[in-house]
Every structure is written in structure tokens, then in C-alpha cells.
Amino acid sequence: MTARTWAVALTGLNGHMVDVEADLSQQTPGFDLIGLGDRALGEAARRVHNACRNSGLDLPRRKLTVNLSPASLPKHGSAFDVAIAIAALGTGGVLDPVSLARTVHLGELGLDGRLRPVPGVLPALHAAREAGFERTVVPFANEAEARLVPGMEVHAAVSLAQVALLHGADVPELGEPEPVLSAATPQTSAPALELADVIGQDDAVAALVVAAAGGHHLLLSGPPGMNS
């Protein structure tokens, strides 16, 4: 059985639609991911396995092959995780194929099944809207950015279980997880210093003021801390 959904590959600020196809076959159980992905994308299979298990969602125990098309387009990063997981789950017949096929999925998966924010949501959804898509699933932390794209039905999900529920899955009650918020980088700025803080060195301070006012060059010589 084959299931398909959509994601977006970014080249700079240009988005390209990626058809995420998953196929289930009667071979030795495994998970193959193909389609010219980088190392981060190549590790998606492990994240998807753990995220599905910890979300109470069972992947089919057969050979899964997920193809990211077009295969000639380089694909980078972990923003394909949710689309890969949903397409893989769709091969089991537990999700609505029509719902999958009209939805663009963006987001990284944590091992606990929560959706983690990804960069580039705005240009990615702009490309999706230009391609005629009107429905998207994004991580909770990317909701505000996603809603900047007009005409797009945005579903901000906290967990993979919520995404599966959106597509008609029968999801067990696992409680409501805490959403993953955007990681705020602490801003540590040095205190602003000015010439008024200089003790002594009156001639040097005066020279600096004159040089700054007139745009002149200035050379200070001699050991620091010594009065002129």
C-alpha cells in the first residue's frame, strides 16, 4: 500500500514542493529513506520510529520505503520528519489518504513525539501557497510565522498524535504534552562604556573627543594608565 503527503525543500529562500511517498511491501522489515537527503535527513528514520512508538502509533511491521521526490533535488534538515512519519503511518490504512494528500507537513520530531520548531516556515509555506496548497501542519512554536501566509489553513500541532488525529487516526489518550517552544538565545550584552568613565587621562580624553568630532586619526603611545 502507498500513501503520500507533502513537504517543502528550501534552496535559500526559494521553496520547492516535495512529494513524500511511502510504500509498504512484503519484504524483510526495515525502513529505507531515499531522495537525496543530507545526514540530518538520513537520521529521520530513527526519530520517526521512536516518535511513533512514544505516541501510541504503530508503524507497520513490514518493509517501508519512503521516497522524497523529485529525487534530483537536494534536501536538507529535519523539517521533513513529520511528513515522513505521517506518510509511513498512512501505509497502514489508519489515516485518511485524501486528507494526507492535500496537506503540507513541516516540523522536526523529538523522540517523545513532540513537534520541534524548524527554520524557514514562512518561505516554505509561501511556496506551498503558490503551488495551490491551502492546508498545513506546523509545530506549535511556528504558528505565528505560518499565519503570516494569507489563504493558508494552519494547524499548529504539539505532538505527532495530534497530527495523526487530524487525519482520522484512532489515537490513545496519552495526556497533553507540553509544547516545545522556540529556543530563546540569551542576549548577554556588555555594559555600555563612555569617556566619562575614564579616570584621569584628561589630555587623552580631550584628544579622543577632538578626533571623534573632526574625524581625525589618533595615535596614543606610552604605557597604559600613565598620565600624560
Foldseek 3Di string as FASTA:
>chain_A
DKAWAWEWADDDLAIDIKIKMKDFDADQFDEAEAQAEDPQCRCLVVLLCLLCVLQQHDFDRTHMYIYIPPSVDHHYDQQCNLRNNVRRSVNVVQFARVVRHQEYETFHGGSNFFTAADPNLQSHVLNVVVVPHAEYEGAQQCVVSNVVRPRHHYDHDGGSLVVRVVRRGDTDDPDDDDRHHDDDDDDDDDDDDDPVPDDAQVVVSVVVVVCVVVVHDDDDDDDPPDHD
